[in-house]
C-alpha cells in the first residue's frame, strides 16, 4: 500500500480510479477497478480538501474534512510522519 496525494485539475467521474487502475495501482477496496482488498462498502479515496469559486462573489472557498475514523485504524501505518515509519 502507498499513500498518495493527488491534485486533479478536473472533476471527471472516476478519473482517479481509472488512471490509477490502468497503471496497476487500484485504489484500496475498489473492486470495480481491480482492488483485491475488501473495504466494506467504501474505497480508500478521501477528498481532504476541495476548493471552488463562490457562484456569485467569485471568491475561492476551501472546505476541509478530517479522515474517516475507520482510516485511522486501517491505514495508521501510512498516516504516521515519515520519520516514525
PDB file of N, CA and C in Angstrom:
ATOM      1  N   UNK A   1       0.831  -1.184   0.000  1.00  0.00           N
ATOM      2  CA  UNK A   1       0.000   0.000   0.000  1.00  0.00           C
ATOM      3  C   UNK A   1       0.871   1.241   0.000  1.00  0.00           C
ATOM      4  N   UNK A   2       0.378   2.253  -0.664  1.00  0.00           N
ATOM      5  CA  UNK A   2       1.070   3.531  -0.743  1.00  0.00           C
ATOM      6  C   UNK A   2       0.070   4.657  -0.547  1.00  0.00           C
ATOM      7  N   UNK A   3       0.426   5.614   0.280  1.00  0.00           N
ATOM      8  CA  UNK A   3      -0.408   6.792   0.463  1.00  0.00           C
ATOM      9  C   UNK A   3      -0.031   7.818  -0.594  1.00  0.00           C
ATOM     10  N   UNK A   4      -1.024   8.269  -1.358  1.00  0.00           N
ATOM     11  CA  UNK A   4      -0.780   9.253  -2.421  1.00  0.00           C
ATOM     12  C   UNK A   4      -1.580  10.516  -2.145  1.00  0.00           C
ATOM     13  N   UNK A   5      -1.007  11.651  -2.496  1.00  0.00           N
ATOM     14  CA  UNK A   5      -1.769  12.896  -2.529  1.00  0.00           C
ATOM     15  C   UNK A   5      -1.922  13.248  -3.996  1.00  0.00           C
ATOM     16  N   UNK A   6      -3.164  13.315  -4.441  1.00  0.00           N
ATOM     17  CA  UNK A   6      -3.463  13.600  -5.841  1.00  0.00           C
ATOM     18  C   UNK A   6      -4.165  14.947  -5.937  1.00  0.00           C
ATOM     19  N   UNK A   7      -3.855  15.695  -6.975  1.00  0.00           N
ATOM     20  CA  UNK A   7      -4.457  17.015  -7.183  1.00  0.00           C
ATOM     21  C   UNK A   7      -5.045  17.106  -8.582  1.00  0.00           C
ATOM     22  N   UNK A   8      -6.230  16.519  -8.759  1.00  0.00           N
ATOM     23  CA  UNK A   8      -6.844  16.528 -10.091  1.00  0.00           C
ATOM     24  C   UNK A   8      -7.233  17.946 -10.510  1.00  0.00           C
ATOM     25  N   UNK A   9      -7.153  18.193 -11.796  1.00  0.00           N
ATOM     26  CA  UNK A   9      -7.488  19.504 -12.339  1.00  0.00           C
ATOM     27  C   UNK A   9      -8.920  19.571 -12.861  1.00  0.00           C
ATOM     28  N   UNK A  10      -9.553  18.422 -13.024  1.00  0.00           N
ATOM     29  CA  UNK A  10     -10.948  18.387 -13.473  1.00  0.00           C
ATOM     30  C   UNK A  10     -11.719  17.511 -12.504  1.00  0.00           C
ATOM     31  N   UNK A  11     -13.003  17.513 -12.636  1.00  0.00           N
ATOM     32  CA  UNK A  11     -13.844  16.691 -11.777  1.00  0.00           C
ATOM     33  C   UNK A  11     -14.500  15.564 -12.531  1.00  0.00           C
ATOM     34  N   UNK A  12     -13.812  15.023 -13.508  1.00  0.00           N
ATOM     35  CA  UNK A  12     -14.410  13.957 -14.298  1.00  0.00           C
ATOM     36  C   UNK A  12     -14.689  12.728 -13.443  1.00  0.00           C
ATOM     37  N   UNK A  13     -15.855  12.151 -13.646  1.00  0.00           N
ATOM     38  CA  UNK A  13     -16.285  10.990 -12.873  1.00  0.00           C
ATOM     39  C   UNK A  13     -15.305   9.831 -13.038  1.00  0.00           C
ATOM     40  N   UNK A  14     -14.859   9.262 -11.947  1.00  0.00           N
ATOM     41  CA  UNK A  14     -13.980   8.095 -11.888  1.00  0.00           C
ATOM     42  C   UNK A  14     -12.571   8.362 -12.414  1.00  0.00           C
ATOM     43  N   UNK A  15     -12.211   9.611 -12.644  1.00  0.00           N
ATOM     44  CA  UNK A  15     -10.904   9.954 -13.216  1.00  0.00           C
ATOM     45  C   UNK A  15      -9.743   9.328 -12.445  1.00  0.00           C
ATOM     46  N   UNK A  16      -9.706   9.520 -11.146  1.00  0.00           N
ATOM     47  CA  UNK A  16      -8.593   8.993 -10.354  1.00  0.00           C
ATOM     48  C   UNK A  16      -8.626   7.472 -10.313  1.00  0.00           C
ATOM     49  N   UNK A  17      -9.810   6.915 -10.195  1.00  0.00           N
ATOM     50  CA  UNK A  17      -9.957   5.464 -10.128  1.00  0.00           C
ATOM     51  C   UNK A  17      -9.448   4.809 -11.404  1.00  0.00           C
ATOM     52  N   UNK A  18      -9.829   5.335 -12.540  1.00  0.00           N
ATOM     53  CA  UNK A  18      -9.433   4.775 -13.837  1.00  0.00           C
ATOM     54  C   UNK A  18      -7.929   4.920 -14.047  1.00  0.00           C
ATOM     55  N   UNK A  19      -7.394   6.118 -13.799  1.00  0.00           N
ATOM     56  CA  UNK A  19      -5.979   6.370 -14.050  1.00  0.00           C
ATOM     57  C   UNK A  19      -5.089   5.490 -13.181  1.00  0.00           C
ATOM     58  N   UNK A  20      -5.395   5.377 -11.897  1.00  0.00           N
ATOM     59  CA  UNK A  20      -4.565   4.548 -11.017  1.00  0.00           C
ATOM     60  C   UNK A  20      -4.671   3.068 -11.378  1.00  0.00           C
ATOM     61  N   UNK A  21      -5.877   2.613 -11.650  1.00  0.00           N
ATOM     62  CA  UNK A  21      -6.065   1.206 -12.004  1.00  0.00           C
ATOM     63  C   UNK A  21      -5.352   0.860 -13.312  1.00  0.00           C
ATOM     64  N   UNK A  22      -5.396   1.754 -14.282  1.00  0.00           N
ATOM     65  CA  UNK A  22      -4.769   1.469 -15.576  1.00  0.00           C
ATOM     66  C   UNK A  22      -3.247   1.346 -15.461  1.00  0.00           C
ATOM     67  N   UNK A  23      -2.696   1.861 -14.377  1.00  0.00           N
ATOM     68  CA  UNK A  23      -1.255   1.759 -14.142  1.00  0.00           C
ATOM     69  C   UNK A  23      -0.904   0.641 -13.164  1.00  0.00           C
ATOM     70  N   UNK A  24      -1.915  -0.166 -12.826  1.00  0.00           N
ATOM     71  CA  UNK A  24      -1.677  -1.309 -11.949  1.00  0.00           C
ATOM     72  C   UNK A  24      -1.760  -0.995 -10.469  1.00  0.00           C
ATOM     73  N   UNK A  25      -2.330   0.166 -10.099  1.00  0.00           N
ATOM     74  CA  UNK A  25      -2.433   0.574  -8.709  1.00  0.00           C
ATOM     75  C   UNK A  25      -3.866   0.956  -8.361  1.00  0.00           C
ATOM     76  N   UNK A  26      -4.791  -0.026  -8.319  1.00  0.00           N
ATOM     77  CA  UNK A  26      -6.174   0.310  -7.994  1.00  0.00           C
ATOM     78  C   UNK A  26      -6.273   0.854  -6.562  1.00  0.00           C
ATOM     79  N   UNK A  27      -7.259   1.687  -6.340  1.00  0.00           N
ATOM     80  CA  UNK A  27      -7.488   2.248  -5.013  1.00  0.00           C
ATOM     81  C   UNK A  27      -7.969   1.144  -4.078  1.00  0.00           C
ATOM     82  N   UNK A  28      -7.464   1.149  -2.858  1.00  0.00           N
ATOM     83  CA  UNK A  28      -7.794   0.132  -1.858  1.00  0.00           C
ATOM     84  C   UNK A  28      -9.315  -0.009  -1.743  1.00  0.00           C
ATOM     85  N   UNK A  29      -9.797  -1.240  -1.866  1.00  0.00           N
ATOM     86  CA  UNK A  29     -11.214  -1.531  -1.723  1.00  0.00           C
ATOM     87  C   UNK A  29     -12.040  -1.304  -2.977  1.00  0.00           C
ATOM     88  N   UNK A  30     -11.438  -0.834  -4.058  1.00  0.00           N
ATOM     89  CA  UNK A  30     -12.173  -0.508  -5.274  1.00  0.00           C
ATOM     90  C   UNK A  30     -12.246  -1.724  -6.196  1.00  0.00           C
ATOM     91  N   UNK A  31     -13.133  -2.665  -5.857  1.00  0.00           N
ATOM     92  CA  UNK A  31     -13.264  -3.910  -6.621  1.00  0.00           C
ATOM     93  C   UNK A  31     -13.645  -3.643  -8.075  1.00  0.00           C
ATOM     94  N   UNK A  32     -14.410  -2.588  -8.327  1.00  0.00           N
ATOM     95  CA  UNK A  32     -14.822  -2.261  -9.692  1.00  0.00           C
ATOM     96  C   UNK A  32     -13.612  -2.022 -10.600  1.00  0.00           C
ATOM     97  N   UNK A  33     -12.526  -1.522 -10.026  1.00  0.00           N
ATOM     98  CA  UNK A  33     -11.330  -1.226 -10.814  1.00  0.00           C
ATOM     99  C   UNK A  33     -10.135  -2.093 -10.420  1.00  0.00           C
ATOM    100  N   UNK A  34     -10.404  -3.264  -9.868  1.00  0.00           N
ATOM    101  CA  UNK A  34      -9.354  -4.257  -9.712  1.00  0.00           C
ATOM    102  C   UNK A  34      -8.691  -4.423  -8.360  1.00  0.00           C
ATOM    103  N   UNK A  35      -9.173  -3.770  -7.307  1.00  0.00           N
ATOM    104  CA  UNK A  35      -8.550  -3.965  -5.998  1.00  0.00           C
ATOM    105  C   UNK A  35      -8.946  -5.326  -5.420  1.00  0.00           C
ATOM    106  N   UNK A  36      -7.977  -6.106  -4.948  1.00  0.00           N
ATOM    107  CA  UNK A  36      -8.292  -7.389  -4.337  1.00  0.00           C
ATOM    108  C   UNK A  36      -8.626  -7.260  -2.847  1.00  0.00           C
ATOM    109  N   UNK A  37      -8.534  -6.063  -2.284  1.00  0.00           N
ATOM    110  CA  UNK A  37      -8.730  -5.850  -0.845  1.00  0.00           C
ATOM    111  C   UNK A  37     -10.125  -5.317  -0.548  1.00  0.00           C
ATOM    112  N   UNK A  38     -10.913  -6.028   0.283  1.00  0.00           N
ATOM    113  CA  UNK A  38     -12.239  -5.518   0.645  1.00  0.00           C
ATOM    114  C   UNK A  38     -12.116  -4.369   1.646  1.00  0.00           C
ATOM    115  N   UNK A  39     -13.037  -3.415   1.557  1.00  0.00           N
ATOM    116  CA  UNK A  39     -13.065  -2.274   2.475  1.00  0.00           C
ATOM    117  C   UNK A  39     -14.511  -1.907   2.780  1.00  0.00           C
ATOM    118  N   UNK A  40     -15.336  -2.945   2.999  1.00  0.00           N
ATOM    119  CA  UNK A  40     -16.762  -2.729   3.235  1.00  0.00           C
ATOM    120  C   UNK A  40     -17.404  -2.154   1.986  1.00  0.00           C
ATOM    121  N   UNK A  41     -18.246  -1.151   2.171  1.00  0.00           N
ATOM    122  CA  UNK A  41     -18.902  -0.501   1.035  1.00  0.00           C
ATOM    123  C   UNK A  41     -18.115   0.709   0.552  1.00  0.00           C
ATOM    124  N   UNK A  42     -16.937   0.929   1.130  1.00  0.00           N
ATOM    125  CA  UNK A  42     -16.142   2.110   0.814  1.00  0.00           C
ATOM    126  C   UNK A  42     -14.940   1.757  -0.055  1.00  0.00           C
ATOM    127  N   UNK A  43     -14.263   2.786  -0.525  1.00  0.00           N
ATOM    128  CA  UNK A  43     -12.961   2.633  -1.156  1.00  0.00           C
ATOM    129  C   UNK A  43     -12.017   3.610  -0.471  1.00  0.00           C
ATOM    130  N   UNK A  44     -10.728   3.378  -0.584  1.00  0.00           N
ATOM    131  CA  UNK A  44      -9.735   4.207   0.085  1.00  0.00           C
ATOM    132  C   UNK A  44      -9.456   5.503  -0.661  1.00  0.00           C
ATOM    133  N   UNK A  45     -10.493   6.291  -0.888  1.00  0.00           N
ATOM    134  CA  UNK A  45     -10.362   7.567  -1.592  1.00  0.00           C
ATOM    135  C   UNK A  45     -11.060   8.620  -0.745  1.00  0.00           C
ATOM    136  N   UNK A  46     -10.332   9.669  -0.364  1.00  0.00           N
ATOM    137  CA  UNK A  46     -10.869  10.693   0.530  1.00  0.00           C
ATOM    138  C   UNK A  46     -10.498  12.079   0.024  1.00  0.00           C
ATOM    139  N   UNK A  47     -11.476  12.941  -0.115  1.00  0.00           N
ATOM    140  CA  UNK A  47     -11.222  14.327  -0.506  1.00  0.00           C
ATOM    141  C   UNK A  47     -10.929  15.123   0.765  1.00  0.00           C
ATOM    142  N   UNK A  48      -9.650  15.312   1.051  1.00  0.00           N
ATOM    143  CA  UNK A  48      -9.248  16.052   2.253  1.00  0.00           C
ATOM    144  C   UNK A  48      -9.681  17.494   2.166  1.00  0.00           C
ATOM    145  N   UNK A  49      -9.527  18.077   0.985  1.00  0.00           N
ATOM    146  CA  UNK A  49      -9.999  19.453   0.812  1.00  0.00           C
ATOM    147  C   UNK A  49     -10.436  19.665  -0.635  1.00  0.00           C
ATOM    148  N   UNK A  50     -11.399  20.555  -0.774  1.00  0.00           N
ATOM    149  CA  UNK A  50     -11.910  20.938  -2.087  1.00  0.00           C
ATOM    150  C   UNK A  50     -11.948  22.460  -2.143  1.00  0.00           C
ATOM    151  N   UNK A  51     -11.502  23.021  -3.244  1.00  0.00           N
ATOM    152  CA  UNK A  51     -11.565  24.470  -3.435  1.00  0.00           C
ATOM    153  C   UNK A  51     -12.352  24.755  -4.706  1.00  0.00           C
ATOM    154  N   UNK A  52     -13.261  25.704  -4.603  1.00  0.00           N
ATOM    155  CA  UNK A  52     -14.061  26.100  -5.759  1.00  0.00           C
ATOM    156  C   UNK A  52     -14.382  27.583  -5.623  1.00  0.00           C
ATOM    157  N   UNK A  53     -14.836  28.184  -6.699  1.00  0.00           N
ATOM    158  CA  UNK A  53     -15.207  29.594  -6.673  1.00  0.00           C
ATOM    159  C   UNK A  53     -16.663  29.756  -6.252  1.00  0.00           C
ATOM    160  N   UNK A  54     -16.902  30.710  -5.358  1.00  0.00           N
ATOM    161  CA  UNK A  54     -18.263  31.023  -4.947  1.00  0.00           C
ATOM    162  C   UNK A  54     -19.043  31.441  -6.196  1.00  0.00           C
ATOM    163  N   UNK A  55     -20.293  30.981  -6.341  1.00  0.00           N
ATOM    164  CA  UNK A  55     -21.021  31.228  -7.592  1.00  0.00           C
ATOM    165  C   UNK A  55     -21.335  32.696  -7.888  1.00  0.00           C
ATOM    166  N   UNK A  56     -21.455  33.545  -6.888  1.00  0.00           N
ATOM    167  CA  UNK A  56     -21.763  34.957  -7.181  1.00  0.00           C
ATOM    168  C   UNK A  56     -20.633  35.911  -6.827  1.00  0.00           C
ATOM    169  N   UNK A  57     -19.896  35.625  -5.748  1.00  0.00           N
ATOM    170  CA  UNK A  57     -18.789  36.511  -5.348  1.00  0.00           C
ATOM    171  C   UNK A  57     -17.493  36.178  -6.086  1.00  0.00           C
ATOM    172  N   UNK A  58     -17.421  34.975  -6.656  1.00  0.00           N
ATOM    173  CA  UNK A  58     -16.254  34.513  -7.418  1.00  0.00           C
ATOM    174  C   UNK A  58     -14.979  34.502  -6.573  1.00  0.00           C
ATOM    175  N   UNK A  59     -15.144  34.287  -5.283  1.00  0.00           N
ATOM    176  CA  UNK A  59     -14.012  34.150  -4.367  1.00  0.00           C
ATOM    177  C   UNK A  59     -13.775  32.670  -4.126  1.00  0.00           C
ATOM    178  N   UNK A  60     -12.501  32.258  -3.935  1.00  0.00           N
ATOM    179  CA  UNK A  60     -12.256  30.844  -3.655  1.00  0.00           C
ATOM    180  C   UNK A  60     -12.780  30.451  -2.272  1.00  0.00           C
ATOM    181  N   UNK A  61     -13.386  29.301  -2.221  1.00  0.00           N
ATOM    182  CA  UNK A  61     -13.859  28.713  -0.969  1.00  0.00           C
ATOM    183  C   UNK A  61     -13.194  27.352  -0.846  1.00  0.00           C
ATOM    184  N   UNK A  62     -12.605  27.079   0.316  1.00  0.00           N
ATOM    185  CA  UNK A  62     -11.970  25.787   0.554  1.00  0.00           C
ATOM    186  C   UNK A  62     -12.682  25.088   1.704  1.00  0.00           C
ATOM    187  N   UNK A  63     -13.088  23.855   1.479  1.00  0.00           N
ATOM    188  CA  UNK A  63     -13.691  23.006   2.504  1.00  0.00           C
ATOM    189  C   UNK A  63     -12.700  21.905   2.839  1.00  0.00           C
ATOM    190  N   UNK A  64     -12.542  21.605   4.125  1.00  0.00           N
ATOM    191  CA  UNK A  64     -11.596  20.578   4.567  1.00  0.00           C
ATOM    192  C   UNK A  64     -12.333  19.561   5.432  1.00  0.00           C
ATOM    193  N   UNK A  65     -11.988  18.291   5.266  1.00  0.00           N
ATOM    194  CA  UNK A  65     -12.626  17.214   6.031  1.00  0.00           C
ATOM    195  C   UNK A  65     -11.558  16.357   6.702  1.00  0.00           C
ATOM    196  N   UNK A  66     -11.834  15.951   7.928  1.00  0.00           N
ATOM    197  CA  UNK A  66     -10.945  15.035   8.640  1.00  0.00           C
ATOM    198  C   UNK A  66     -11.032  13.645   8.003  1.00  0.00           C
ATOM    199  N   UNK A  67     -10.025  12.844   8.244  1.00  0.00           N
ATOM    200  CA  UNK A  67     -10.066  11.459   7.762  1.00  0.00           C
ATOM    201  C   UNK A  67     -11.161  10.689   8.484  1.00  0.00           C
ATOM    202  N   UNK A  68     -11.828   9.780   7.797  1.00  0.00           N
ATOM    203  CA  UNK A  68     -12.816   8.930   8.466  1.00  0.00           C
ATOM    204  C   UNK A  68     -12.137   8.098   9.563  1.00  0.00           C
ATOM    205  N   UNK A  69     -12.845   7.859  10.653  1.00  0.00           N
ATOM    206  CA  UNK A  69     -12.274   7.121  11.790  1.00  0.00           C
ATOM    207  C   UNK A  69     -11.777   5.736  11.388  1.00  0.00           C
ATOM    208  N   UNK A  70     -12.477   5.078  10.484  1.00  0.00           N
ATOM    209  CA  UNK A  70     -12.054   3.749  10.025  1.00  0.00           C
ATOM    210  C   UNK A  70     -10.640   3.792   9.465  1.00  0.00           C
ATOM    211  N   UNK A  71     -10.291   4.884   8.792  1.00  0.00           N
ATOM    212  CA  UNK A  71      -8.964   5.014   8.197  1.00  0.00           C
ATOM    213  C   UNK A  71      -7.876   5.072   9.254  1.00  0.00           C
ATOM    214  N   UNK A  72      -8.163   5.660  10.400  1.00  0.00           N
ATOM    215  CA  UNK A  72      -7.142   5.816  11.430  1.00  0.00           C
ATOM    216  C   UNK A  72      -6.669   4.463  11.945  1.00  0.00           C
ATOM    217  N   UNK A  73      -7.519   3.454  11.880  1.00  0.00           N
ATOM    218  CA  UNK A  73      -7.105   2.108  12.244  1.00  0.00           C
ATOM    219  C   UNK A  73      -6.494   1.355  11.079  1.00  0.00           C
ATOM    220  N   UNK A  74      -7.192   1.316   9.960  1.00  0.00           N
ATOM    221  CA  UNK A  74      -6.779   0.523   8.806  1.00  0.00           C
ATOM    222  C   UNK A  74      -5.476   1.031   8.184  1.00  0.00           C
ATOM    223  N   UNK A  75      -5.304   2.346   8.125  1.00  0.00           N
ATOM    224  CA  UNK A  75      -4.152   2.924   7.433  1.00  0.00           C
ATOM    225  C   UNK A  75      -3.194   3.640   8.375  1.00  0.00           C
ATOM    226  N   UNK A  76      -3.247   3.316   9.666  1.00  0.00           N
ATOM    227  CA  UNK A  76      -2.423   4.023  10.656  1.00  0.00           C
ATOM    228  C   UNK A  76      -0.943   4.029  10.289  1.00  0.00           C
ATOM    229  N   UNK A  77      -0.437   2.909   9.793  1.00  0.00           N
ATOM    230  CA  UNK A  77       0.993   2.828   9.464  1.00  0.00           C
ATOM    231  C   UNK A  77       1.378   3.774   8.321  1.00  0.00           C
ATOM    232  N   UNK A  78       0.433   4.098   7.453  1.00  0.00           N
ATOM    233  CA  UNK A  78       0.726   5.020   6.350  1.00  0.00           C
ATOM    234  C   UNK A  78       0.571   6.484   6.767  1.00  0.00           C
ATOM    235  N   UNK A  79      -0.205   6.718   7.812  1.00  0.00           N
ATOM    236  CA  UNK A  79      -0.513   8.081   8.227  1.00  0.00           C
ATOM    237  C   UNK A  79       0.502   8.661   9.205  1.00  0.00           C
ATOM    238  N   UNK A  80       1.404   7.828   9.711  1.00  0.00           N
ATOM    239  CA  UNK A  80       2.448   8.318  10.613  1.00  0.00           C
ATOM    240  C   UNK A  80       3.411   9.205   9.842  1.00  0.00           C
ATOM    241  N   UNK A  81       3.976  10.214  10.506  1.00  0.00           N
ATOM    242  CA  UNK A  81       5.012  11.006   9.827  1.00  0.00           C
ATOM    243  C   UNK A  81       6.141  10.090   9.345  1.00  0.00           C
ATOM    244  N   UNK A  82       6.749  10.446   8.240  1.00  0.00           N
ATOM    245  CA  UNK A  82       7.770   9.601   7.606  1.00  0.00           C
ATOM    246  C   UNK A  82       8.881   9.220   8.564  1.00  0.00           C
ATOM    247  N   UNK A  83       9.271  10.102   9.457  1.00  0.00           N
ATOM    248  CA  UNK A  83      10.357   9.817  10.401  1.00  0.00           C
ATOM    249  C   UNK A  83      10.008   8.697  11.367  1.00  0.00           C
ATOM    250  N   UNK A  84       8.711   8.471  11.596  1.00  0.00           N
ATOM    251  CA  UNK A  84       8.284   7.448  12.552  1.00  0.00           C
ATOM    252  C   UNK A  84       8.064   6.082  11.889  1.00  0.00           C
ATOM    253  N   UNK A  85       8.094   6.001  10.582  1.00  0.00           N
ATOM    254  CA  UNK A  85       7.811   4.720   9.891  1.00  0.00           C
ATOM    255  C   UNK A  85       8.989   3.792   9.948  1.00  0.00           C
TER     256      UNK A  85
END
